[in-house]
Structure formats: C-alpha cells, structure tokens
Amino acid sequence: MPDTPPPPTRADFRFFERLRVRWSEIDAQQIVFNGHYLAYLDTAVAGYWRAMAMPYHETMAGLQGDLYVKKATLEYHRSARYEDLLDIGMRCVQIGRSSMRFAAGVFRQDVLLVGGELVYVFADPATQTSRPVPARLREALQAFEAGEAMARVELGRWDTLAAPAGAIRTQVFVEEQGIPAEMEWDAADAGALHAVALDALAQAAQARSDAELLLHAQTSAQAFYARAGFQPRGPVFEEAGIPHVEMVRALG
C-alpha cells in the first residue's frame, strides 16, 4: 500500500482565512458539526482568490470557464468549539490538464483540527464538460504558491492613470456608495500622484522624505486602515454625506 502523507502543518500554507466559530455551527455535543468544515474550506477558497488579486467571478468570466468540485475529503483530528478562532489554510498542490487539487488545514493556533482536500475541474459553464486549465491561470497559481507578489502597481499622473483609477473610483464611490459623480472628481486630480494600491503610495511618500501618510477614511472602514498602521486624528466629519475621520500613519 502507498504511504499515507503526513498531516499538514501551518508551515505548509502561505494563505490562511481566519474564522470564528458561530453558535449556529455547533451541535448537541457542543462541537462544530462535521459538515460545517466543508463550508469553512469553501470560505477559505474564496479568500484564496482574493489574496491572488483575482476576483473569482470576473476571473472565470474572462477565462470562459468555471471550477466545479469533483472530490472533497476531510480527515478529523480534533474538535472546534464555540467562539474558537480558526485559521483555514489553503494551498494549490497540483495542477493537471483540466483539474487542480487543493490541500487544506483547519488550525486552532498551531493545532491541526481537520485536514482536507478539494479537487476541482475547470469546465465549460454551459455544458459542464472539462477544458484544459488556461495557461495564465496555471501560471498565476504557481506564482502565488512560489511566494511571488500578485499585485502590479503603477504610479503616475492623472493623464496616464485616469482610465484604471477612474474606473475603480466610479465603481466603489459612485456606483456602490451612491456619491454624485460630480463630487468624485475635482481639480486636484490633475496635479496629484495617483496609484491603484496603498503600499505604492507609501513607498513613494518615503522616497520623497514625507513625514506621514494622511487619508480621509469612512468610519465604517476605520478598522481596516487601523490594521495597516493608521491612527485616527481629530473629530468625525461628513464628506459627500458620509461620516469620515482623518487617519494618519507616520513614516520613518
């Protein structure tokens, strides 16, 4: 008989999705019902695509295909309980002609609770017949697992970045948040340094010897910016009818 592979450890994974066990997920034994672990893995797969900077639905539409689960297996080692913080590790371990295999691990700190495996088939969404995994998808998965950065960032003036930056601002602020389009654009755009990603702006500011980064954060996103090292400064104020707070991060 072939040797059984060893259980996964945290070191096996680059990507983790953190979840907290909810009341509705525990059973009469006061542990997580076994079937919920598959939902945990599905949630982690969605996070994996976000970490690759490849929104799932838009990516699959562009590739003219979709991924369908062919096989899902779980191996239970220990139980998770109500309010446990779980880290769901996800890793692409093999890419075949039309399929790909992901290894998964559910951890409470460094303790493995459940190991798993998901096998997907890339297929035509209309007929659900298999297709070869597109080369660009294969390359992106291999690059991510090799530790390469997934985001490509460009810095520049508005006359060169108006198309990509404008599209993002329109979608997020005008379409999703209902801010009037005429309030989204102003004369400052022409002279400002623009970038799609925050980290690029931080690097540019450091190169210019700026003392700090400053942004106007919607109060609903304050925790997000706090995790990136920003601190609130001053009172809450309204901008385009939405509560904001000034947040800063020192550079040194």
C-alpha atoms as a PDB file:
ATOM      1  CA  MET A   1       0.000   0.000   0.000  1.00  0.00           C
ATOM      2  CA  PRO A   2       1.243   3.563  -0.722  1.00  0.00           C
ATOM      3  CA  ASP A   3       2.496   5.566   2.225  1.00  0.00           C
ATOM      4  CA  THR A   4      -0.072   7.872   3.818  1.00  0.00           C
ATOM      5  CA  PRO A   5       1.056  11.509   3.561  1.00  0.00           C
ATOM      6  CA  PRO A   6       1.701  13.204   6.906  1.00  0.00           C
ATOM      7  CA  PRO A   7      -0.948  15.578   8.261  1.00  0.00           C
ATOM      8  CA  PRO A   8      -0.455  19.207   7.185  1.00  0.00           C
ATOM      9  CA  THR A   9       1.196  21.791   9.418  1.00  0.00           C
ATOM     10  CA  ARG A  10       0.849  25.583   9.406  1.00  0.00           C
ATOM     11  CA  ALA A  11       4.196  25.867   7.650  1.00  0.00           C
ATOM     12  CA  ASP A  12       2.699  24.125   4.616  1.00  0.00           C
ATOM     13  CA  PHE A  13       0.457  27.081   3.790  1.00  0.00           C
ATOM     14  CA  ARG A  14       1.054  30.578   2.502  1.00  0.00           C
ATOM     15  CA  PHE A  15      -2.596  31.591   2.765  1.00  0.00           C
ATOM     16  CA  PHE A  16      -4.959  31.482   5.765  1.00  0.00           C
ATOM     17  CA  GLU A  17      -8.548  32.627   6.193  1.00  0.00           C
ATOM     18  CA  ARG A  18      -9.461  33.424   9.808  1.00  0.00           C
ATOM     19  CA  LEU A  19     -12.948  32.477  11.017  1.00  0.00           C
ATOM     20  CA  ARG A  20     -14.679  32.425  14.386  1.00  0.00           C
ATOM     21  CA  VAL A  21     -16.987  29.528  15.264  1.00  0.00           C
ATOM     22  CA  ARG A  22     -20.591  30.735  15.452  1.00  0.00           C
ATOM     23  CA  TRP A  23     -23.371  29.446  17.701  1.00  0.00           C
ATOM     24  CA  SER A  24     -25.283  28.055  14.732  1.00  0.00           C
ATOM     25  CA  GLU A  25     -22.319  25.829  13.792  1.00  0.00           C
ATOM     26  CA  ILE A  26     -22.154  23.723  16.947  1.00  0.00           C
ATOM     27  CA  ASP A  27     -24.184  20.556  17.523  1.00  0.00           C
ATOM     28  CA  ALA A  28     -25.655  18.681  20.501  1.00  0.00           C
ATOM     29  CA  GLN A  29     -22.139  17.677  21.552  1.00  0.00           C
ATOM     30  CA  GLN A  30     -21.222  21.392  21.714  1.00  0.00           C
ATOM     31  CA  ILE A  31     -18.608  20.988  18.993  1.00  0.00           C
ATOM     32  CA  VAL A  32     -18.645  22.121  15.365  1.00  0.00           C
ATOM     33  CA  PHE A  33     -20.915  19.837  13.340  1.00  0.00           C
ATOM     34  CA  ASN A  34     -18.737  17.882  10.930  1.00  0.00           C
ATOM     35  CA  GLY A  35     -20.444  19.147   7.777  1.00  0.00           C
ATOM     36  CA  HIS A  36     -19.611  22.786   8.542  1.00  0.00           C
ATOM     37  CA  TYR A  37     -15.928  22.199   7.875  1.00  0.00           C
ATOM     38  CA  LEU A  38     -16.664  21.950   4.147  1.00  0.00           C
ATOM     39  CA  ALA A  39     -18.240  25.404   4.345  1.00  0.00           C
ATOM     40  CA  TYR A  40     -15.105  26.638   6.123  1.00  0.00           C
ATOM     41  CA  LEU A  41     -12.988  25.324   3.259  1.00  0.00           C
ATOM     42  CA  ASP A  42     -15.237  26.979   0.663  1.00  0.00           C
ATOM     43  CA  THR A  43     -14.928  30.284   2.512  1.00  0.00           C
ATOM     44  CA  ALA A  44     -11.139  29.903   2.537  1.00  0.00           C
ATOM     45  CA  VAL A  45     -11.090  29.188  -1.201  1.00  0.00           C
ATOM     46  CA  ALA A  46     -12.888  32.485  -1.807  1.00  0.00           C
ATOM     47  CA  GLY A  47     -10.286  34.235   0.330  1.00  0.00           C
ATOM     48  CA  TYR A  48      -7.514  32.492  -1.581  1.00  0.00           C
ATOM     49  CA  TRP A  49      -8.749  34.041  -4.838  1.00  0.00           C
ATOM     50  CA  ARG A  50      -8.881  37.471  -3.212  1.00  0.00           C
ATOM     51  CA  ALA A  51      -5.303  37.017  -1.988  1.00  0.00           C
ATOM     52  CA  MET A  52      -4.280  36.281  -5.566  1.00  0.00           C
ATOM     53  CA  ALA A  53      -5.860  39.617  -6.620  1.00  0.00           C
ATOM     54  CA  MET A  54      -8.155  37.650  -8.938  1.00  0.00           C
ATOM     55  CA  PRO A  55     -11.862  38.261  -8.145  1.00  0.00           C
ATOM     56  CA  TYR A  56     -13.407  34.846  -8.715  1.00  0.00           C
ATOM     57  CA  HIS A  57     -16.446  35.608 -10.891  1.00  0.00           C
ATOM     58  CA  GLU A  58     -14.699  38.197 -13.054  1.00  0.00           C
ATOM     59  CA  THR A  59     -11.691  35.902 -13.470  1.00  0.00           C
ATOM     60  CA  MET A  60     -13.739  32.909 -14.542  1.00  0.00           C
ATOM     61  CA  ALA A  61     -15.774  35.023 -16.956  1.00  0.00           C
ATOM     62  CA  GLY A  62     -12.565  36.238 -18.540  1.00  0.00           C
ATOM     63  CA  LEU A  63     -11.277  32.662 -18.821  1.00  0.00           C
ATOM     64  CA  GLN A  64     -14.615  31.499 -20.288  1.00  0.00           C
ATOM     65  CA  GLY A  65     -14.887  28.646 -17.821  1.00  0.00           C
ATOM     66  CA  ASP A  66     -15.599  27.782 -14.208  1.00  0.00           C
ATOM     67  CA  LEU A  67     -14.400  25.444 -11.470  1.00  0.00           C
ATOM     68  CA  TYR A  68     -16.550  22.532 -10.324  1.00  0.00           C
ATOM     69  CA  VAL A  69     -15.846  20.367  -7.289  1.00  0.00           C
ATOM     70  CA  LYS A  70     -15.044  16.806  -8.301  1.00  0.00           C
ATOM     71  CA  LYS A  71     -13.998  15.467  -4.919  1.00  0.00           C
ATOM     72  CA  ALA A  72     -13.927  16.713  -1.336  1.00  0.00           C
ATOM     73  CA  THR A  73     -12.420  14.795   1.563  1.00  0.00           C
ATOM     74  CA  LEU A  74     -11.965  15.585   5.248  1.00  0.00           C
ATOM     75  CA  GLU A  75      -9.959  13.908   7.983  1.00  0.00           C
ATOM     76  CA  TYR A  76     -10.935  14.796  11.544  1.00  0.00           C
ATOM     77  CA  HIS A  77      -8.269  15.020  14.264  1.00  0.00           C
ATOM     78  CA  ARG A  78      -9.754  17.271  16.962  1.00  0.00           C
ATOM     79  CA  SER A  79     -12.926  19.305  17.501  1.00  0.00           C
ATOM     80  CA  ALA A  80     -13.537  23.039  17.251  1.00  0.00           C
ATOM     81  CA  ARG A  81     -15.851  24.664  19.768  1.00  0.00           C
ATOM     82  CA  TYR A  82     -17.994  27.764  20.061  1.00  0.00           C
ATOM     83  CA  GLU A  83     -16.018  31.039  19.817  1.00  0.00           C
ATOM     84  CA  ASP A  84     -12.801  29.301  18.726  1.00  0.00           C
ATOM     85  CA  LEU A  85     -10.686  31.343  16.305  1.00  0.00           C
ATOM     86  CA  LEU A  86      -9.772  29.104  13.391  1.00  0.00           C
ATOM     87  CA  ASP A  87      -7.205  29.619  10.663  1.00  0.00           C
ATOM     88  CA  ILE A  88      -8.125  27.797   7.464  1.00  0.00           C
ATOM     89  CA  GLY A  89      -5.025  27.094   5.396  1.00  0.00           C
ATOM     90  CA  MET A  90      -5.432  26.586   1.657  1.00  0.00           C
ATOM     91  CA  ARG A  91      -2.773  25.555  -0.864  1.00  0.00           C
ATOM     92  CA  CYS A  92      -2.809  24.518  -4.513  1.00  0.00           C
ATOM     93  CA  VAL A  93      -0.662  21.387  -4.594  1.00  0.00           C
ATOM     94  CA  GLN A  94      -1.215  20.021  -8.100  1.00  0.00           C
ATOM     95  CA  ILE A  95      -2.470  21.230 -11.475  1.00  0.00           C
ATOM     96  CA  GLY A  96      -3.326  18.638 -14.087  1.00  0.00           C
ATOM     97  CA  ARG A  97      -4.594  19.026 -17.608  1.00  0.00           C
ATOM     98  CA  SER A  98      -8.103  20.086 -16.599  1.00  0.00           C
ATOM     99  CA  SER A  99      -8.110  19.686 -12.825  1.00  0.00           C
ATOM    100  CA  MET A 100      -6.428  21.165  -9.788  1.00  0.00           C
ATOM    101  CA  ARG A 101      -6.014  19.829  -6.272  1.00  0.00           C
ATOM    102  CA  PHE A 102      -6.023  21.944  -3.122  1.00  0.00           C
ATOM    103  CA  ALA A 103      -4.825  20.828   0.305  1.00  0.00           C
ATOM    104  CA  ALA A 104      -6.498  22.371   3.336  1.00  0.00           C
ATOM    105  CA  GLY A 105      -5.932  22.507   7.069  1.00  0.00           C
ATOM    106  CA  VAL A 106      -8.138  23.847   9.849  1.00  0.00           C
ATOM    107  CA  PHE A 107      -5.974  25.080  12.720  1.00  0.00           C
ATOM    108  CA  ARG A 108      -6.608  26.429  16.203  1.00  0.00           C
ATOM    109  CA  GLN A 109      -3.328  28.270  16.723  1.00  0.00           C
ATOM    110  CA  ASP A 110      -0.768  25.585  15.761  1.00  0.00           C
ATOM    111  CA  VAL A 111      -3.046  22.612  16.441  1.00  0.00           C
ATOM    112  CA  LEU A 112      -4.456  20.822  13.392  1.00  0.00           C
ATOM    113  CA  LEU A 113      -8.154  20.083  13.860  1.00  0.00           C
ATOM    114  CA  VAL A 114      -9.161  18.930  10.390  1.00  0.00           C
ATOM    115  CA  GLY A 115      -7.209  18.179   7.219  1.00  0.00           C
ATOM    116  CA  GLY A 116      -8.851  18.187   3.827  1.00  0.00           C
ATOM    117  CA  GLU A 117      -8.548  18.058   0.090  1.00  0.00           C
ATOM    118  CA  LEU A 118     -10.579  19.646  -2.694  1.00  0.00           C
ATOM    119  CA  VAL A 119     -10.308  18.593  -6.338  1.00  0.00           C
ATOM    120  CA  TYR A 120     -11.718  20.994  -8.925  1.00  0.00           C
ATOM    121  CA  VAL A 121     -12.269  20.530 -12.645  1.00  0.00           C
ATOM    122  CA  PHE A 122     -12.090  23.506 -14.995  1.00  0.00           C
ATOM    123  CA  ALA A 123     -15.069  23.211 -17.335  1.00  0.00           C
ATOM    124  CA  ASP A 124     -17.374  24.912 -19.799  1.00  0.00           C
ATOM    125  CA  PRO A 125     -20.090  26.527 -17.642  1.00  0.00           C
ATOM    126  CA  ALA A 126     -22.794  25.839 -20.236  1.00  0.00           C
ATOM    127  CA  THR A 127     -22.154  22.110 -20.687  1.00  0.00           C
ATOM    128  CA  GLN A 128     -20.006  21.380 -17.593  1.00  0.00           C
ATOM    129  CA  THR A 129     -17.603  19.455 -19.819  1.00  0.00           C
ATOM    130  CA  SER A 130     -13.931  19.715 -18.863  1.00  0.00           C
ATOM    131  CA  ARG A 131     -11.495  22.088 -20.540  1.00  0.00           C
ATOM    132  CA  PRO A 132      -7.720  22.441 -20.202  1.00  0.00           C
ATOM    133  CA  VAL A 133      -6.696  24.735 -17.351  1.00  0.00           C
ATOM    134  CA  PRO A 134      -5.775  28.046 -19.062  1.00  0.00           C
ATOM    135  CA  ALA A 135      -2.062  28.777 -19.095  1.00  0.00           C
ATOM    136  CA  ARG A 136      -2.465  32.165 -17.405  1.00  0.00           C
ATOM    137  CA  LEU A 137      -4.457  30.606 -14.552  1.00  0.00           C
ATOM    138  CA  ARG A 138      -1.876  27.853 -14.158  1.00  0.00           C
ATOM    139  CA  GLU A 139       0.929  30.418 -14.092  1.00  0.00           C
ATOM    140  CA  ALA A 140      -0.874  32.627 -11.550  1.00  0.00           C
ATOM    141  CA  LEU A 141      -1.438  29.697  -9.172  1.00  0.00           C
ATOM    142  CA  GLN A 142       2.154  28.560  -9.456  1.00  0.00           C
ATOM    143  CA  ALA A 143       3.445  32.087  -8.919  1.00  0.00           C
ATOM    144  CA  PHE A 144       1.281  32.591  -5.827  1.00  0.00           C
ATOM    145  CA  GLU A 145       2.438  29.335  -4.243  1.00  0.00           C
ATOM    146  CA  ALA A 146       6.037  30.261  -5.060  1.00  0.00           C
ATOM    147  CA  GLY A 147       5.632  33.375  -2.920  1.00  0.00           C
ATOM    148  CA  GLU A 148       5.547  35.947  -5.692  1.00  0.00           C
ATOM    149  CA  ALA A 149       3.643  39.214  -5.273  1.00  0.00           C
ATOM    150  CA  MET A 150       0.287  39.158  -7.031  1.00  0.00           C
ATOM    151  CA  ALA A 151      -0.444  42.864  -7.408  1.00  0.00           C
ATOM    152  CA  ARG A 152       1.152  45.053 -10.046  1.00  0.00           C
ATOM    153  CA  VAL A 153       1.145  48.695  -9.100  1.00  0.00           C
ATOM    154  CA  GLU A 154       1.631  51.744 -11.263  1.00  0.00           C
ATOM    155  CA  LEU A 155       2.284  55.293 -10.101  1.00  0.00           C
ATOM    156  CA  GLY A 156       1.644  58.308 -12.242  1.00  0.00           C
ATOM    157  CA  ARG A 157      -0.280  61.448 -13.032  1.00  0.00           C
ATOM    158  CA  TRP A 158      -3.964  61.550 -13.858  1.00  0.00           C
ATOM    159  CA  ASP A 159      -3.351  61.902 -17.584  1.00  0.00           C
ATOM    160  CA  THR A 160      -1.750  58.418 -17.627  1.00  0.00           C
ATOM    161  CA  LEU A 161      -3.780  56.636 -14.934  1.00  0.00           C
ATOM    162  CA  ALA A 162      -7.222  58.164 -15.463  1.00  0.00           C
ATOM    163  CA  ALA A 163      -8.661  55.035 -17.104  1.00  0.00           C
ATOM    164  CA  PRO A 164      -7.856  52.391 -14.435  1.00  0.00           C
ATOM    165  CA  ALA A 165      -8.070  54.702 -11.420  1.00  0.00           C
ATOM    166  CA  GLY A 166     -11.233  56.365 -12.689  1.00  0.00           C
ATOM    167  CA  ALA A 167     -12.934  53.023 -13.273  1.00  0.00           C
ATOM    168  CA  ILE A 168     -12.218  51.896  -9.712  1.00  0.00           C
ATOM    169  CA  ARG A 169     -13.380  55.173  -8.183  1.00  0.00           C
ATOM    170  CA  THR A 170     -16.553  55.108 -10.254  1.00  0.00           C
ATOM    171  CA  GLN A 171     -17.399  51.559  -9.203  1.00  0.00           C
ATOM    172  CA  VAL A 172     -16.634  51.994  -5.500  1.00  0.00           C
ATOM    173  CA  PHE A 173     -17.777  55.520  -4.779  1.00  0.00           C
ATOM    174  CA  VAL A 174     -20.319  56.430  -7.457  1.00  0.00           C
ATOM    175  CA  GLU A 175     -21.993  53.088  -8.180  1.00  0.00           C
ATOM    176  CA  GLU A 176     -21.645  51.227  -4.873  1.00  0.00           C
ATOM    177  CA  GLN A 177     -21.874  54.129  -2.424  1.00  0.00           C
ATOM    178  CA  GLY A 178     -24.090  56.476  -4.376  1.00  0.00           C
ATOM    179  CA  ILE A 179     -21.821  59.527  -4.278  1.00  0.00           C
ATOM    180  CA  PRO A 180     -22.730  62.002  -7.051  1.00  0.00           C
ATOM    181  CA  ALA A 181     -20.228  61.730  -9.876  1.00  0.00           C
ATOM    182  CA  GLU A 182     -19.631  65.476  -9.898  1.00  0.00           C
ATOM    183  CA  MET A 183     -18.393  65.253  -6.295  1.00  0.00           C
ATOM    184  CA  GLU A 184     -15.918  62.467  -7.048  1.00  0.00           C
ATOM    185  CA  TRP A 185     -13.712  64.474  -9.427  1.00  0.00           C
ATOM    186  CA  ASP A 186     -12.024  67.797  -8.762  1.00  0.00           C
ATOM    187  CA  ALA A 187      -9.176  69.980  -9.999  1.00  0.00           C
ATOM    188  CA  ALA A 188      -6.725  68.365  -7.563  1.00  0.00           C
ATOM    189  CA  ASP A 189      -6.735  65.163  -9.619  1.00  0.00           C
ATOM    190  CA  ALA A 190      -4.628  66.766 -12.352  1.00  0.00           C
ATOM    191  CA  GLY A 191      -1.705  67.553 -10.050  1.00  0.00           C
ATOM    192  CA  ALA A 192      -1.865  64.629  -7.647  1.00  0.00           C
ATOM    193  CA  LEU A 193       0.190  61.437  -7.621  1.00  0.00           C
ATOM    194  CA  HIS A 194      -2.135  58.504  -8.315  1.00  0.00           C
ATOM    195  CA  ALA A 195      -1.811  54.792  -7.672  1.00  0.00           C
ATOM    196  CA  VAL A 196      -4.123  51.826  -7.521  1.00  0.00           C
ATOM    197  CA  ALA A 197      -2.580  50.361  -4.349  1.00  0.00           C
ATOM    198  CA  LEU A 198      -1.901  51.994  -0.993  1.00  0.00           C
ATOM    199  CA  ASP A 199       1.527  50.370  -0.499  1.00  0.00           C
ATOM    200  CA  ALA A 200       2.813  52.075  -3.636  1.00  0.00           C
ATOM    201  CA  LEU A 201       1.811  55.473  -2.311  1.00  0.00           C
ATOM    202  CA  ALA A 202       3.609  54.707   0.974  1.00  0.00           C
ATOM    203  CA  GLN A 203       6.804  53.841  -0.873  1.00  0.00           C
ATOM    204  CA  ALA A 204       6.575  56.973  -2.998  1.00  0.00           C
ATOM    205  CA  ALA A 205       5.993  59.127   0.089  1.00  0.00           C
ATOM    206  CA  GLN A 206       9.022  57.627   1.813  1.00  0.00           C
ATOM    207  CA  ALA A 207      11.135  58.258  -1.274  1.00  0.00           C
ATOM    208  CA  ARG A 208      10.103  61.925  -1.111  1.00  0.00           C
ATOM    209  CA  SER A 209      11.001  62.033   2.631  1.00  0.00           C
ATOM    210  CA  ASP A 210       7.413  62.803   3.612  1.00  0.00           C
ATOM    211  CA  ALA A 211       6.775  62.641   7.366  1.00  0.00           C
ATOM    212  CA  GLU A 212       3.385  60.921   7.278  1.00  0.00           C
ATOM    213  CA  LEU A 213       0.580  59.488   5.208  1.00  0.00           C
ATOM    214  CA  LEU A 214      -2.859  61.067   5.569  1.00  0.00           C
ATOM    215  CA  LEU A 215      -6.229  59.887   4.306  1.00  0.00           C
ATOM    216  CA  HIS A 216      -9.919  60.515   4.895  1.00  0.00           C
ATOM    217  CA  ALA A 217     -11.378  57.160   5.953  1.00  0.00           C
ATOM    218  CA  GLN A 218     -15.060  56.353   6.009  1.00  0.00           C
ATOM    219  CA  THR A 219     -15.813  55.480   9.617  1.00  0.00           C
ATOM    220  CA  SER A 220     -17.090  52.064   8.533  1.00  0.00           C
ATOM    221  CA  ALA A 221     -13.579  51.317   7.178  1.00  0.00           C
ATOM    222  CA  GLN A 222     -11.656  52.719  10.146  1.00  0.00           C
ATOM    223  CA  ALA A 223     -10.716  49.266  11.462  1.00  0.00           C
ATOM    224  CA  PHE A 224      -9.366  48.275   8.037  1.00  0.00           C
ATOM    225  CA  TYR A 225      -6.956  51.224   7.957  1.00  0.00           C
ATOM    226  CA  ALA A 226      -6.034  50.705  11.616  1.00  0.00           C
ATOM    227  CA  ARG A 227      -4.744  47.238  10.700  1.00  0.00           C
ATOM    228  CA  ALA A 228      -2.467  48.951   8.160  1.00  0.00           C
ATOM    229  CA  GLY A 229      -0.975  51.171  10.878  1.00  0.00           C
ATOM    230  CA  PHE A 230      -3.163  54.275  10.550  1.00  0.00           C
ATOM    231  CA  GLN A 231      -4.402  56.158  13.628  1.00  0.00           C
ATOM    232  CA  PRO A 232      -7.460  58.474  13.810  1.00  0.00           C
ATOM    233  CA  ARG A 233      -6.832  62.179  14.281  1.00  0.00           C
ATOM    234  CA  GLY A 234      -9.471  64.758  15.013  1.00  0.00           C
ATOM    235  CA  PRO A 235     -13.276  64.577  15.074  1.00  0.00           C
ATOM    236  CA  VAL A 236     -15.614  62.725  12.740  1.00  0.00           C
ATOM    237  CA  PHE A 237     -16.795  64.876   9.813  1.00  0.00           C
ATOM    238  CA  GLU A 238     -19.038  64.463   6.792  1.00  0.00           C
ATOM    239  CA  GLU A 239     -17.773  64.200   3.247  1.00  0.00           C
ATOM    240  CA  ALA A 240     -20.282  63.640   0.435  1.00  0.00           C
ATOM    241  CA  GLY A 241     -22.840  62.954   3.163  1.00  0.00           C
ATOM    242  CA  ILE A 242     -20.807  60.056   4.623  1.00  0.00           C
ATOM    243  CA  PRO A 243     -19.123  60.122   8.072  1.00  0.00           C
ATOM    244  CA  HIS A 244     -15.309  60.254   7.756  1.00  0.00           C
ATOM    245  CA  VAL A 245     -12.359  60.539  10.093  1.00  0.00           C
ATOM    246  CA  GLU A 246      -8.860  61.761   9.311  1.00  0.00           C
ATOM    247  CA  MET A 247      -6.297  58.974   9.764  1.00  0.00           C
ATOM    248  CA  VAL A 248      -2.516  59.226   9.664  1.00  0.00           C
ATOM    249  CA  ARG A 249       0.478  56.904   9.610  1.00  0.00           C
ATOM    250  CA  ALA A 250       3.937  58.154  10.481  1.00  0.00           C
ATOM    251  CA  LEU A 251       6.764  57.370   8.076  1.00  0.00           C
ATOM    252  CA  GLY A 252      10.291  56.816   9.262  1.00  0.00           C
END
